[in-house]
């Protein structure tokens, strides 16, 4: 069952926009291409949340889709740089036990702090429903 979709904030492109607008008239055309491309790239990134998985889609011409099952999530880390806190966005790193998608970072999402707790609850619920327990195996070397 579908829950929500999050997209990165366009605030991450502020530096490119300032450089593009602040360019000289001679290089204005070229320097506007980069911020416009970055805005399109950011718009084409999305994180879809379902009751049992997260789907991360990114790319403009070549689209890559990663799928993470929630019961495989091992840790959720919240990172809030100073400038991000000014505009109330944050990065959320999700570390999983998946062999192919070890870590996924939800960049510049607007609901980081509250969503981390919601996501943690969803992970615990999925583990309970599927009867999955988390075990960490470490190789002991002498």
Protein backbone atom coordinates (compact mmCIF):
# COMPACT_ATOMS: atom_id res chain seq x y z
CA UNK A 1 0.00 0.00 0.00
CA UNK A 2 1.34 3.41 -1.03
CA UNK A 3 2.06 5.89 1.79
CA UNK A 4 3.83 8.99 0.44
CA UNK A 5 6.38 10.41 -2.01
CA UNK A 6 9.18 12.77 -1.03
CA UNK A 7 11.37 14.84 -3.34
CA UNK A 8 14.62 16.64 -2.56
CA UNK A 9 14.36 20.37 -1.97
CA UNK A 10 15.46 22.78 -4.70
CA UNK A 11 17.35 24.69 -1.98
CA UNK A 12 20.28 22.40 -2.75
CA UNK A 13 20.67 24.18 -6.10
CA UNK A 14 20.90 27.71 -4.64
CA UNK A 15 24.66 27.95 -5.24
CA UNK A 16 24.29 26.97 -8.91
CA UNK A 17 21.47 29.49 -9.37
CA UNK A 18 23.48 32.32 -7.80
CA UNK A 19 26.49 31.53 -9.98
CA UNK A 20 24.31 31.27 -13.08
CA UNK A 21 22.55 34.58 -12.50
CA UNK A 22 25.74 36.34 -11.40
CA UNK A 23 27.63 35.47 -14.57
CA UNK A 24 28.72 38.07 -17.07
CA UNK A 25 26.41 38.74 -20.02
CA UNK A 26 28.85 37.00 -22.39
CA UNK A 27 28.78 33.71 -20.46
CA UNK A 28 25.17 34.03 -19.24
CA UNK A 29 23.75 31.51 -21.72
CA UNK A 30 26.27 28.82 -20.84
CA UNK A 31 26.18 29.46 -17.11
CA UNK A 32 22.38 29.21 -16.98
CA UNK A 33 22.45 25.70 -18.44
CA UNK A 34 24.08 24.22 -15.32
CA UNK A 35 21.52 25.51 -12.76
CA UNK A 36 18.62 24.54 -15.01
CA UNK A 37 20.08 21.04 -15.45
CA UNK A 38 20.58 20.69 -11.67
CA UNK A 39 16.99 21.76 -11.04
CA UNK A 40 15.70 19.18 -13.55
CA UNK A 41 17.95 16.51 -12.01
CA UNK A 42 16.63 17.33 -8.52
CA UNK A 43 13.04 17.28 -9.76
CA UNK A 44 13.54 13.85 -11.34
CA UNK A 45 14.68 12.34 -8.01
CA UNK A 46 11.96 10.88 -5.83
CA UNK A 47 11.56 8.61 -2.86
CA UNK A 48 8.36 6.56 -2.73
CA UNK A 49 7.32 4.95 0.54
CA UNK A 50 5.09 1.91 0.73
CA UNK A 51 4.11 -0.04 3.82
CA UNK A 52 6.84 -2.63 3.13
CA UNK A 53 9.45 -0.93 0.93
CA UNK A 54 11.18 2.26 -0.18
CA UNK A 55 11.68 2.97 -3.87
CA UNK A 56 14.36 5.50 -4.88
CA UNK A 57 14.16 6.71 -8.49
CA UNK A 58 16.68 9.09 -9.98
CA UNK A 59 17.88 10.17 -13.40
CA UNK A 60 16.68 12.28 -16.30
CA UNK A 61 17.48 10.27 -19.43
CA UNK A 62 18.71 7.09 -17.78
CA UNK A 63 16.56 6.27 -14.77
CA UNK A 64 17.89 4.11 -11.92
CA UNK A 65 15.48 2.55 -9.45
CA UNK A 66 16.55 1.06 -6.12
CA UNK A 67 14.14 -0.84 -3.91
CA UNK A 68 14.74 -1.47 -0.22
CA UNK A 69 12.57 -3.76 1.86
CA UNK A 70 11.86 -2.11 5.21
CA UNK A 71 12.63 -5.17 7.30
CA UNK A 72 16.24 -4.98 5.98
CA UNK A 73 16.85 -1.49 7.42
CA UNK A 74 19.57 -1.60 10.08
CA UNK A 75 20.03 2.07 10.96
CA UNK A 76 18.60 5.49 10.16
CA UNK A 77 20.90 8.50 10.49
CA UNK A 78 19.76 12.12 10.38
CA UNK A 79 22.21 14.77 9.17
CA UNK A 80 21.26 18.45 9.41
CA UNK A 81 23.93 20.84 8.09
CA UNK A 82 23.69 24.43 9.33
CA UNK A 83 22.35 25.91 6.07
CA UNK A 84 19.81 23.10 5.75
CA UNK A 85 18.50 23.82 9.25
CA UNK A 86 17.88 27.44 8.24
CA UNK A 87 15.37 26.27 5.61
CA UNK A 88 14.14 23.24 7.61
CA UNK A 89 15.47 20.42 5.43
CA UNK A 90 17.80 17.52 6.25
CA UNK A 91 19.49 14.41 4.88
CA UNK A 92 18.35 10.99 6.03
CA UNK A 93 20.75 8.04 5.54
CA UNK A 94 19.25 4.57 5.61
CA UNK A 95 21.71 1.72 6.14
CA UNK A 96 20.46 -1.72 5.14
CA UNK A 97 21.58 -5.32 5.17
CA UNK A 98 20.88 -5.54 1.42
CA UNK A 99 23.95 -6.74 -0.52
CA UNK A 100 23.36 -4.51 -3.52
CA UNK A 101 21.96 -1.35 -1.94
CA UNK A 102 23.92 -1.01 1.28
CA UNK A 103 23.06 2.62 2.00
CA UNK A 104 20.64 5.12 0.55
CA UNK A 105 20.64 8.83 1.37
CA UNK A 106 17.43 10.82 1.11
CA UNK A 107 18.92 14.21 0.29
CA UNK A 108 17.37 17.53 1.32
CA UNK A 109 13.99 16.23 2.42
CA UNK A 110 11.68 18.67 4.18
CA UNK A 111 10.41 16.37 6.96
CA UNK A 112 13.62 14.73 8.17
CA UNK A 113 13.25 14.84 11.95
CA UNK A 114 9.64 13.69 12.19
CA UNK A 115 9.92 11.28 9.31
CA UNK A 116 12.88 9.45 10.89
CA UNK A 117 10.64 8.40 13.80
CA UNK A 118 7.81 7.42 11.45
CA UNK A 119 10.19 5.36 9.33
CA UNK A 120 11.63 3.64 12.41
CA UNK A 121 8.09 2.65 13.43
CA UNK A 122 7.40 1.29 9.94
CA UNK A 123 10.60 -0.79 10.07
CA UNK A 124 9.70 -2.28 13.45
CA UNK A 125 6.15 -3.05 12.29
CA UNK A 126 7.48 -4.81 9.16
CA UNK A 127 9.89 -6.90 11.20
CA UNK A 128 7.09 -7.89 13.55
CA UNK A 129 4.67 -8.80 10.73
CA UNK A 130 7.27 -10.85 8.84
CA UNK A 131 8.73 -12.40 12.01
CA UNK A 132 12.22 -11.15 11.17
CA UNK A 133 14.85 -10.63 13.85
CA UNK A 134 18.05 -8.68 13.30
CA UNK A 135 21.33 -10.48 13.85
CA UNK A 136 24.80 -9.04 13.35
CA UNK A 137 27.53 -11.54 12.58
CA UNK A 138 31.10 -10.47 13.09
CA UNK A 139 34.18 -12.34 12.05
CA UNK A 140 36.61 -12.58 14.91
CA UNK A 141 40.21 -12.57 13.79
CA UNK A 142 43.18 -13.39 15.96
